[in-house]
Amino acid sequence: MVGSGGVGKSALTLQFMYDEFVEDYEPTKADSYRKKVVLDGEEVQIDILDTAGQEDYAAIRDNYFRSGEGFLCVFSITEQESFAATADFREQILRVKEDENVPFLLVGNKSDLEDKRQVSIEEAKSRAEQWNVNYVETSAKTRANVDKVFFDLMREIRARKMEDTRRSRLKQTEIPFALWKCRFSAKDANWSNIEIEFTKDLDCGIAEMLKASYAFINIIQPNEESGVRGQS
């Protein structure tokens, strides 16, 4: 949970955790919460960190951002300044995570105070589209969309983890494929002029190892061929 002070980060968290609205809650330190929920039929555990103003301390802030898997960036629809601050939070998170696709939701809280609105829905949606993220308006007081933002973020985190796992497995299959590819090419190649192609994602160390193995094959192959001729 990130956002300017007084936008309702703690109120949203407490409403999600305990189904209660605490209007004047003022945390003096970061509070962490853990809850087991059922997400699309699967039991999962969510850990929530309410930064509670520690964003002012760069070292602490960066450590929180580095360990976070997803972010709810909260502003109050009644405070234009808090909306402007979301750009700074977004920039800080992307700088630390070095990933523009980090799970991230833009949240406009205090939707029950429509008569005091300073940030239009169109303005907030425009920023969300610019960042390629979703925008949701919530009310910690009425509980409107409180569960939605947490569950939507959990789904984004889960999807990201699944994609990372898929990419990791795909990369692992590229190594034996490259070995097979090189061996196949070497079988019919001119041994004095072997050209080896490696997949782009192969680690340099692995590539060097493969090159060394082909130098070994190149030495052995002519001897094997000469041995066959001698027997005939």
Protein backbone atom coordinates (compact mmCIF):
# COMPACT_ATOMS: atom_id res chain seq x y z
CA MET A 1 0.00 0.00 0.00
CA VAL A 2 1.54 3.28 -1.10
CA GLY A 3 0.18 6.80 -1.27
CA SER A 4 0.21 10.15 0.47
CA GLY A 5 -0.73 10.47 4.12
CA GLY A 6 -4.42 10.69 4.93
CA VAL A 7 -5.72 9.09 1.72
CA GLY A 8 -7.08 6.04 3.55
CA LYS A 9 -4.45 3.33 3.03
CA SER A 10 -4.80 2.06 6.59
CA ALA A 11 -8.59 2.35 6.50
CA LEU A 12 -8.72 0.23 3.34
CA THR A 13 -6.41 -2.36 4.87
CA LEU A 14 -8.36 -2.60 8.13
CA GLN A 15 -11.65 -2.81 6.26
CA PHE A 16 -10.30 -5.69 4.17
CA MET A 17 -8.75 -7.46 7.14
CA TYR A 18 -11.42 -7.02 9.81
CA ASP A 19 -14.55 -5.67 8.10
CA GLU A 20 -14.43 -2.48 10.12
CA PHE A 21 -14.02 1.19 9.34
CA VAL A 22 -11.56 3.12 11.47
CA GLU A 23 -11.80 6.76 10.50
CA ASP A 24 -9.08 8.31 12.65
CA TYR A 25 -6.44 5.57 12.58
CA GLU A 26 -2.97 7.15 12.47
CA PRO A 27 -0.17 4.55 12.38
CA THR A 28 3.27 5.78 13.44
CA LYS A 29 5.15 2.86 11.90
CA ALA A 30 4.73 0.36 9.11
CA ASP A 31 2.07 -2.22 9.91
CA SER A 32 2.03 -5.63 8.29
CA TYR A 33 -0.97 -7.93 7.99
CA ARG A 34 -1.46 -11.50 6.85
CA LYS A 35 -4.70 -13.11 5.77
CA LYS A 36 -5.74 -16.36 4.11
CA VAL A 37 -8.41 -15.97 1.46
CA VAL A 38 -9.96 -18.06 -1.29
CA LEU A 39 -8.96 -16.70 -4.69
CA ASP A 40 -10.89 -18.24 -7.59
CA GLY A 41 -11.38 -21.48 -5.65
CA GLU A 42 -7.80 -21.67 -4.41
CA GLU A 43 -6.68 -20.84 -0.87
CA VAL A 44 -3.89 -18.27 -0.90
CA GLN A 45 -2.16 -16.08 1.64
CA ILE A 46 -1.81 -12.33 1.25
CA ASP A 47 0.74 -10.23 3.12
CA ILE A 48 -0.06 -6.51 3.26
CA LEU A 49 2.39 -3.80 4.25
CA ASP A 50 0.96 -0.40 5.14
CA THR A 51 3.93 1.93 4.70
CA ALA A 52 2.35 4.68 6.82
CA GLY A 53 4.62 7.52 5.78
CA GLN A 54 7.93 5.67 5.57
CA GLU A 55 8.06 6.71 1.91
CA ASP A 56 9.87 9.82 3.18
CA TYR A 57 12.90 7.71 4.11
CA ALA A 58 14.60 6.58 0.91
CA ALA A 59 16.42 3.52 2.28
CA ILE A 60 13.34 2.15 4.05
CA ARG A 61 11.09 2.99 1.11
CA ASP A 62 13.31 1.27 -1.43
CA ASN A 63 13.55 -1.84 0.73
CA TYR A 64 9.76 -2.03 0.95
CA PHE A 65 9.39 -1.54 -2.79
CA ARG A 66 12.07 -4.11 -3.56
CA SER A 67 10.37 -6.82 -1.51
CA GLY A 68 6.84 -6.07 -2.73
CA GLU A 69 5.29 -8.25 -5.41
CA GLY A 70 2.41 -5.90 -6.18
CA PHE A 71 1.27 -2.39 -5.31
CA LEU A 72 -1.95 -0.55 -4.58
CA CYS A 73 -1.20 3.12 -5.22
CA VAL A 74 -3.89 5.04 -3.33
CA PHE A 75 -5.00 8.65 -3.56
CA SER A 76 -8.07 10.51 -2.32
CA ILE A 77 -10.52 11.73 -4.93
CA THR A 78 -11.01 14.77 -2.68
CA GLU A 79 -7.34 15.83 -2.83
CA GLN A 80 -5.72 16.79 -6.11
CA GLU A 81 -2.30 16.85 -4.42
CA SER A 82 -2.55 13.19 -3.45
CA PHE A 83 -3.40 12.31 -7.05
CA ALA A 84 -0.36 14.24 -8.31
CA ALA A 85 1.80 12.33 -5.82
CA THR A 86 0.89 8.99 -7.39
CA ALA A 87 3.23 9.82 -10.29
CA ASP A 88 6.14 10.06 -7.85
CA PHE A 89 5.25 6.76 -6.20
CA ARG A 90 4.96 5.08 -9.58
CA GLU A 91 8.35 6.43 -10.65
CA GLN A 92 10.00 5.30 -7.41
CA ILE A 93 8.57 1.79 -7.69
CA LEU A 94 9.65 1.37 -11.31
CA ARG A 95 13.13 2.65 -10.48
CA VAL A 96 13.57 0.08 -7.71
CA LYS A 97 11.84 -2.84 -9.44
CA GLU A 98 13.29 -2.06 -12.90
CA ASP A 99 10.11 -3.49 -14.38
CA GLU A 100 7.31 -1.49 -16.00
CA ASN A 101 4.99 -4.50 -15.82
CA VAL A 102 5.06 -4.90 -12.05
CA PRO A 103 1.55 -5.71 -10.70
CA PHE A 104 0.06 -2.30 -9.91
CA LEU A 105 -3.40 -0.80 -9.38
CA LEU A 106 -4.30 2.88 -9.20
CA VAL A 107 -6.91 3.34 -6.47
CA GLY A 108 -9.07 6.42 -5.92
CA ASN A 109 -10.35 6.21 -2.35
CA LYS A 110 -13.16 8.09 -0.55
CA SER A 111 -15.67 7.64 -3.36
CA ASP A 112 -18.41 8.23 -0.77
CA LEU A 113 -17.40 11.92 -0.71
CA GLU A 114 -18.60 12.65 -4.23
CA ASP A 115 -19.63 16.19 -3.32
CA LYS A 116 -16.00 16.97 -2.42
CA ARG A 117 -14.45 15.38 -5.51
CA GLN A 118 -11.41 17.15 -6.95
CA VAL A 119 -10.13 14.38 -9.22
CA SER A 120 -12.47 13.37 -12.03
CA ILE A 121 -12.93 9.77 -13.07
CA GLU A 122 -11.78 10.69 -16.58
CA GLU A 123 -8.55 12.22 -15.28
CA ALA A 124 -7.74 9.18 -13.16
CA LYS A 125 -8.59 6.73 -15.94
CA SER A 126 -6.42 8.67 -18.36
CA ARG A 127 -3.42 8.28 -16.07
CA ALA A 128 -4.14 4.59 -15.57
CA GLU A 129 -4.29 4.07 -19.33
CA GLN A 130 -1.01 5.93 -19.72
CA TRP A 131 0.57 3.55 -17.22
CA ASN A 132 -1.23 0.52 -18.68
CA VAL A 133 -2.78 -0.32 -15.30
CA ASN A 134 -6.33 -0.63 -13.98
CA TYR A 135 -8.12 2.13 -12.08
CA VAL A 136 -10.67 1.40 -9.35
CA GLU A 137 -12.52 3.76 -7.00
CA THR A 138 -13.10 2.59 -3.45
CA SER A 139 -14.64 3.68 -0.19
CA ALA A 140 -13.16 2.36 3.02
CA LYS A 141 -16.21 3.76 4.80
CA THR A 142 -18.91 1.96 2.79
CA ARG A 143 -16.60 -0.93 1.79
CA ALA A 144 -17.26 -0.27 -1.91
CA ASN A 145 -14.75 -2.19 -4.06
CA VAL A 146 -12.46 -2.86 -1.10
CA ASP A 147 -12.30 -6.60 -1.72
CA LYS A 148 -12.09 -5.99 -5.46
CA VAL A 149 -8.82 -4.05 -5.39
CA PHE A 150 -7.07 -6.60 -3.20
CA PHE A 151 -8.33 -9.58 -5.18
CA ASP A 152 -7.57 -7.92 -8.52
CA LEU A 153 -4.02 -7.27 -7.37
CA MET A 154 -3.64 -10.86 -6.18
CA ARG A 155 -4.73 -12.07 -9.61
CA GLU A 156 -2.15 -9.85 -11.27
CA ILE A 157 0.57 -11.18 -8.97
CA ARG A 158 -0.48 -14.76 -9.64
CA ALA A 159 -0.50 -14.19 -13.40
CA ARG A 160 2.95 -12.63 -13.21
CA LYS A 161 4.34 -15.57 -11.25
CA MET A 162 2.87 -18.03 -13.74
CA GLU A 163 4.43 -16.09 -16.62
CA ASP A 164 7.81 -16.00 -14.89
CA THR A 165 7.63 -19.76 -14.32
CA ARG A 166 6.73 -20.34 -17.96
CA ARG A 167 9.65 -18.24 -19.16
CA SER A 168 12.03 -20.00 -16.79
CA ARG A 169 10.98 -23.42 -18.07
CA LEU A 170 11.23 -22.24 -21.66
CA LYS A 171 14.75 -20.99 -21.10
CA GLN A 172 15.76 -24.33 -19.58
CA THR A 173 14.58 -26.16 -22.71
CA GLU A 174 16.67 -23.90 -24.93
CA ILE A 175 19.96 -25.34 -23.66
CA PRO A 176 19.38 -28.99 -24.66
CA PHE A 177 17.84 -27.74 -27.91
CA ALA A 178 21.00 -25.79 -28.66
CA LEU A 179 23.12 -28.86 -27.90
CA TRP A 180 21.04 -30.99 -30.24
CA LYS A 181 21.12 -28.29 -32.89
CA CYS A 182 24.90 -28.05 -32.75
CA ARG A 183 25.43 -31.83 -32.81
CA PHE A 184 23.08 -32.20 -35.74
CA SER A 185 24.87 -29.44 -37.65
CA ALA A 186 28.27 -30.93 -36.90
CA LYS A 187 27.32 -34.35 -38.23
CA ASP A 188 27.25 -33.28 -41.87
CA ALA A 189 29.47 -30.20 -41.63
CA ASN A 190 32.83 -29.57 -43.16
CA TRP A 191 35.00 -30.20 -40.13
CA SER A 192 37.53 -27.60 -41.18
CA ASN A 193 34.87 -24.88 -41.22
CA ILE A 194 32.15 -25.51 -38.65
CA GLU A 195 29.77 -22.64 -37.98
CA ILE A 196 27.82 -22.95 -34.75
CA GLU A 197 24.64 -20.99 -34.10
CA PHE A 198 23.49 -20.39 -30.57
CA THR A 199 20.13 -19.21 -29.31
CA LYS A 200 20.11 -15.58 -28.22
CA ASP A 201 19.14 -16.31 -24.63
CA LEU A 202 22.00 -18.70 -23.87
CA ASP A 203 24.36 -17.63 -21.13
CA CYS A 204 27.82 -16.68 -22.38
CA GLY A 205 29.43 -19.29 -20.16
CA ILE A 206 27.22 -22.01 -21.61
CA ALA A 207 27.99 -20.82 -25.11
CA GLU A 208 31.72 -21.06 -24.44
CA MET A 209 31.25 -24.55 -23.03
CA LEU A 210 29.43 -25.61 -26.19
CA LYS A 211 32.16 -24.14 -28.37
CA ALA A 212 34.77 -26.07 -26.41
CA SER A 213 32.82 -29.30 -26.85
CA TYR A 214 32.75 -28.76 -30.60
CA ALA A 215 36.48 -28.22 -30.72
CA PHE A 216 36.73 -31.62 -29.04
CA ILE A 217 34.36 -33.19 -31.58
CA ASN A 218 36.28 -31.58 -34.41
CA ILE A 219 39.49 -33.24 -33.25
CA ILE A 220 37.97 -36.68 -32.73
CA GLN A 221 35.87 -36.92 -35.88
CA PRO A 222 38.67 -37.06 -38.48
CA ASN A 223 40.46 -39.76 -36.46
CA GLU A 224 37.28 -41.80 -36.34
CA GLU A 225 36.87 -41.46 -40.08
CA SER A 226 40.49 -42.45 -40.76
CA GLY A 227 40.10 -45.48 -38.52
CA VAL A 228 37.14 -46.66 -40.55
CA ARG A 229 39.07 -46.28 -43.80
CA GLY A 230 41.95 -48.32 -42.39
CA GLN A 231 39.67 -51.23 -41.63
CA SER A 232 38.29 -51.25 -45.14
